[in-house]
N, C-alpha and C. Protein backbone atom coordinates (compact mmCIF):
# COMPACT_ATOMS: atom_id res chain seq x y z
N MET A 1 40.20 -5.90 -80.51
CA MET A 1 39.40 -7.21 -79.61
C MET A 1 38.45 -7.32 -79.41
N ASN A 2 37.66 -7.92 -79.97
CA ASN A 2 35.82 -7.87 -79.30
C ASN A 2 35.68 -8.36 -78.19
N GLU A 3 34.17 -8.60 -77.69
CA GLU A 3 33.73 -8.85 -76.32
C GLU A 3 33.84 -10.05 -76.13
N SER A 4 33.42 -11.07 -77.61
CA SER A 4 33.88 -12.59 -76.96
C SER A 4 35.37 -12.50 -76.70
N ASP A 5 36.77 -12.15 -77.19
CA ASP A 5 37.51 -12.52 -77.02
C ASP A 5 38.71 -12.23 -75.30
N LEU A 6 37.49 -10.89 -75.34
CA LEU A 6 38.23 -10.54 -73.86
C LEU A 6 37.61 -11.76 -72.54
N LYS A 7 35.85 -11.55 -72.86
CA LYS A 7 35.29 -12.93 -71.93
C LYS A 7 36.09 -13.89 -71.78
N GLN A 8 36.48 -14.82 -73.19
CA GLN A 8 37.73 -15.95 -73.33
C GLN A 8 38.16 -15.61 -72.37
N TYR A 9 39.49 -14.38 -72.59
CA TYR A 9 40.49 -14.14 -71.49
C TYR A 9 39.76 -13.97 -69.59
N TYR A 10 39.01 -14.31 -69.66
CA TYR A 10 38.07 -13.91 -68.30
C TYR A 10 38.68 -14.92 -68.14
N GLU A 11 37.44 -15.91 -68.93
CA GLU A 11 37.08 -17.09 -68.11
C GLU A 11 38.51 -18.41 -68.10
N ILE A 12 39.56 -17.53 -68.76
CA ILE A 12 40.94 -18.62 -68.47
C ILE A 12 41.44 -18.31 -67.50
N TYR A 13 41.49 -17.10 -67.48
CA TYR A 13 42.23 -16.17 -65.46
C TYR A 13 40.96 -16.98 -64.73
N THR A 14 39.41 -16.79 -64.85
CA THR A 14 38.99 -17.50 -63.68
C THR A 14 39.28 -19.43 -63.21
N ASP A 15 39.37 -19.87 -63.98
CA ASP A 15 39.70 -20.98 -64.54
C ASP A 15 40.78 -21.41 -63.71
N VAL A 16 42.02 -20.25 -64.10
CA VAL A 16 43.39 -21.02 -63.43
C VAL A 16 43.38 -20.66 -62.69
N TRP A 17 42.48 -18.98 -61.38
CA TRP A 17 42.27 -18.90 -60.28
C TRP A 17 41.44 -19.81 -59.43
N LYS A 18 40.94 -20.58 -59.83
CA LYS A 18 39.73 -21.39 -59.23
C LYS A 18 40.97 -21.92 -58.53
N ILE A 19 42.14 -23.37 -59.55
CA ILE A 19 42.66 -24.06 -59.45
C ILE A 19 43.44 -23.85 -58.34
N PHE A 20 44.07 -22.79 -58.79
CA PHE A 20 45.47 -21.87 -57.70
C PHE A 20 44.76 -21.58 -56.39
N LYS A 21 43.54 -21.47 -56.15
CA LYS A 21 43.75 -21.32 -54.82
C LYS A 21 42.95 -22.78 -54.31
N LYS A 22 42.29 -23.92 -54.58
CA LYS A 22 42.21 -25.27 -54.56
C LYS A 22 43.28 -26.32 -54.56
N TYR A 23 44.00 -25.53 -55.02
CA TYR A 23 45.55 -26.01 -54.82
C TYR A 23 46.65 -25.49 -53.73
N SER A 24 46.34 -24.57 -53.20
CA SER A 24 47.13 -23.54 -53.46
C SER A 24 47.89 -23.75 -51.71
N ASN A 25 47.87 -24.93 -51.04
CA ASN A 25 47.98 -25.42 -50.06
C ASN A 25 48.68 -26.44 -50.49
N PRO A 26 49.40 -26.63 -51.30
CA PRO A 26 50.26 -27.90 -51.57
C PRO A 26 50.29 -29.17 -50.02
N LYS A 27 50.42 -29.97 -50.31
CA LYS A 27 50.87 -31.37 -49.85
C LYS A 27 51.62 -32.25 -50.49
N SER A 28 52.15 -33.15 -50.09
CA SER A 28 53.58 -33.65 -50.60
C SER A 28 52.94 -35.67 -51.15
N GLU A 29 51.73 -35.10 -50.92
CA GLU A 29 51.27 -36.74 -51.64
C GLU A 29 51.08 -36.37 -52.86
N ALA A 30 51.78 -37.98 -53.44
CA ALA A 30 51.32 -37.78 -55.36
C ALA A 30 49.69 -37.36 -55.69
N ALA A 31 48.92 -38.18 -54.88
CA ALA A 31 47.55 -37.91 -55.21
C ALA A 31 46.98 -36.19 -55.36
N PHE A 32 47.80 -35.57 -54.28
CA PHE A 32 47.70 -34.14 -54.35
C PHE A 32 47.75 -33.71 -56.05
N TRP A 33 49.03 -33.68 -56.32
CA TRP A 33 50.03 -33.11 -57.68
C TRP A 33 49.66 -33.89 -58.91
N SER A 34 48.46 -35.55 -59.00
CA SER A 34 48.02 -36.07 -59.58
C SER A 34 46.83 -35.18 -60.10
N GLU A 35 46.14 -35.03 -59.06
CA GLU A 35 44.20 -33.83 -59.08
C GLU A 35 44.88 -32.63 -59.20
N LEU A 36 45.83 -32.16 -59.52
CA LEU A 36 45.90 -30.78 -59.60
C LEU A 36 47.14 -30.95 -61.07
N SER A 37 47.69 -32.10 -61.64
CA SER A 37 48.02 -32.32 -62.92
C SER A 37 46.78 -32.19 -64.41
N ALA A 38 45.70 -32.98 -63.77
CA ALA A 38 44.42 -33.69 -64.34
C ALA A 38 43.68 -32.56 -64.44
N GLU A 39 43.17 -32.01 -63.43
CA GLU A 39 42.88 -30.59 -63.86
C GLU A 39 43.25 -29.53 -64.26
N ALA A 40 44.63 -29.32 -64.15
CA ALA A 40 45.18 -28.38 -65.02
C ALA A 40 44.73 -28.47 -66.63
N TYR A 41 44.93 -29.81 -66.96
CA TYR A 41 44.97 -30.75 -68.11
C TYR A 41 43.81 -30.06 -68.83
N GLY A 42 42.86 -30.49 -67.77
CA GLY A 42 41.02 -30.27 -68.50
C GLY A 42 41.14 -28.29 -68.59
N ILE A 43 41.79 -28.02 -68.16
CA ILE A 43 41.26 -26.87 -68.43
C ILE A 43 41.69 -26.54 -69.97
N TYR A 44 43.19 -26.80 -70.44
CA TYR A 44 43.67 -26.78 -71.11
C TYR A 44 42.98 -27.67 -72.80
N LYS A 45 42.35 -27.89 -72.36
CA LYS A 45 41.81 -28.77 -72.95
C LYS A 45 40.70 -28.20 -73.12
N LYS A 46 39.90 -28.20 -72.17
CA LYS A 46 38.48 -26.94 -72.10
C LYS A 46 38.98 -25.45 -73.11
N TYR A 47 39.91 -25.60 -73.61
CA TYR A 47 40.14 -23.80 -74.00
C TYR A 47 40.88 -24.09 -75.38
N GLY A 48 41.29 -25.51 -76.09
CA GLY A 48 42.03 -26.04 -77.51
C GLY A 48 42.81 -26.02 -76.98
N LYS A 49 43.43 -26.26 -76.37
CA LYS A 49 45.47 -26.77 -76.21
C LYS A 49 45.75 -25.18 -76.63
N ILE A 50 45.56 -23.99 -76.22
CA ILE A 50 46.05 -23.03 -76.72
C ILE A 50 47.18 -22.86 -76.07
N MET A 51 48.95 -22.04 -76.31
CA MET A 51 49.54 -21.98 -75.93
C MET A 51 49.34 -21.32 -74.46
N PHE A 52 48.75 -19.96 -74.99
CA PHE A 52 48.74 -18.66 -73.86
C PHE A 52 48.12 -19.80 -72.63
N VAL A 53 46.73 -20.49 -72.38
CA VAL A 53 46.25 -21.34 -71.54
C VAL A 53 47.48 -22.49 -71.04
N ARG A 54 47.95 -22.85 -72.17
CA ARG A 54 49.15 -23.97 -71.59
C ARG A 54 50.34 -23.14 -70.57
N ARG A 55 51.09 -21.92 -70.72
CA ARG A 55 52.01 -20.88 -70.37
C ARG A 55 50.74 -19.89 -68.79
N GLU A 56 49.87 -20.30 -68.70
CA GLU A 56 49.08 -19.93 -67.37
C GLU A 56 49.07 -21.05 -66.58
N LEU A 57 48.60 -21.60 -67.10
CA LEU A 57 48.59 -22.83 -66.13
C LEU A 57 49.86 -23.29 -65.52
N LEU A 58 50.85 -23.56 -66.24
CA LEU A 58 52.53 -23.97 -65.95
C LEU A 58 52.54 -22.95 -65.16
N ASN A 59 52.61 -21.67 -65.48
CA ASN A 59 53.20 -20.79 -63.92
C ASN A 59 52.06 -21.00 -63.16
N MET A 60 51.14 -21.21 -62.99
CA MET A 60 50.34 -20.90 -62.06
C MET A 60 50.89 -22.31 -61.15
N ILE A 61 50.64 -23.79 -61.83
CA ILE A 61 51.81 -24.72 -61.23
C ILE A 61 52.27 -24.52 -60.49
N ASP A 62 53.71 -23.97 -61.37
CA ASP A 62 55.34 -23.37 -60.51
C ASP A 62 54.83 -22.39 -59.37
N GLU A 63 53.91 -21.94 -58.96
CA GLU A 63 53.72 -21.16 -57.87
C GLU A 63 53.57 -21.93 -56.93
N ILE A 64 52.83 -23.02 -57.12
CA ILE A 64 52.17 -24.20 -56.27
C ILE A 64 53.56 -24.57 -55.87
N GLU A 65 54.27 -24.65 -56.81
CA GLU A 65 55.42 -25.67 -56.65
C GLU A 65 56.36 -25.00 -55.45
N LYS A 66 56.60 -23.64 -55.61
CA LYS A 66 57.14 -22.27 -54.32
C LYS A 66 56.38 -22.21 -53.34
N ILE A 67 55.82 -22.77 -53.32
CA ILE A 67 54.68 -22.26 -51.85
C ILE A 67 55.18 -23.91 -51.19
N TRP A 68 54.64 -24.87 -51.84
CA TRP A 68 55.80 -25.77 -51.52
C TRP A 68 56.68 -26.34 -50.63
N LYS A 69 57.53 -25.68 -51.85
CA LYS A 69 59.28 -25.98 -51.36
C LYS A 69 59.56 -24.79 -50.07
N LYS A 70 59.08 -23.61 -49.95
CA LYS A 70 59.07 -22.89 -48.96
C LYS A 70 58.43 -23.77 -47.96
N GLY A 71 57.61 -24.39 -47.38
CA GLY A 71 57.10 -25.25 -46.68
C GLY A 71 55.73 -24.50 -46.45
N GLY A 72 55.14 -24.35 -47.39
CA GLY A 72 53.47 -23.68 -47.68
C GLY A 72 52.64 -24.69 -46.96
N ASN A 73 52.83 -26.18 -47.17
CA ASN A 73 52.47 -27.55 -46.93
C ASN A 73 51.78 -27.21 -45.96
N THR A 74 50.94 -28.08 -45.60
CA THR A 74 49.96 -28.86 -44.33
C THR A 74 50.90 -29.87 -43.53
N ASP A 75 50.76 -30.80 -44.51
CA ASP A 75 50.90 -31.84 -43.68
C ASP A 75 52.49 -32.15 -43.55
N GLY A 76 53.86 -31.12 -43.37
CA GLY A 76 54.47 -31.36 -42.81
C GLY A 76 55.93 -32.07 -43.22
N LYS A 77 55.92 -32.46 -44.30
CA LYS A 77 56.72 -34.05 -45.07
C LYS A 77 57.31 -33.11 -45.29
N HIS A 78 57.62 -31.46 -45.68
CA HIS A 78 58.27 -31.06 -46.62
C HIS A 78 58.64 -30.03 -45.91
N LYS A 79 59.79 -29.08 -46.18
CA LYS A 79 60.26 -27.82 -45.27
C LYS A 79 61.69 -27.33 -45.44
C-alpha cells in the first residue's frame, strides 16, 4: 500500500468519525435521521461509492441507532 492509499483510508475514517461525533446524541425526530442519512450518503459519494466506505458508514449509523435505543438521546421520546 502506498502513501496515497493510506491517506485516503485516514480521510475516510476521519470523515466517518466527524459524522459520528456530530450525531452521537441521537434524537427521535425524523429530521435528525434524515440529516444523518444525507451526510452519510454524501461521504459515500465522495469516495466513489466503494463498498469499504459503505460498510463503515452503515456500522457508524448502526452504532448511533444502538445509542438511541439505549436511551442515549436527549429529547426524552425514546427510552
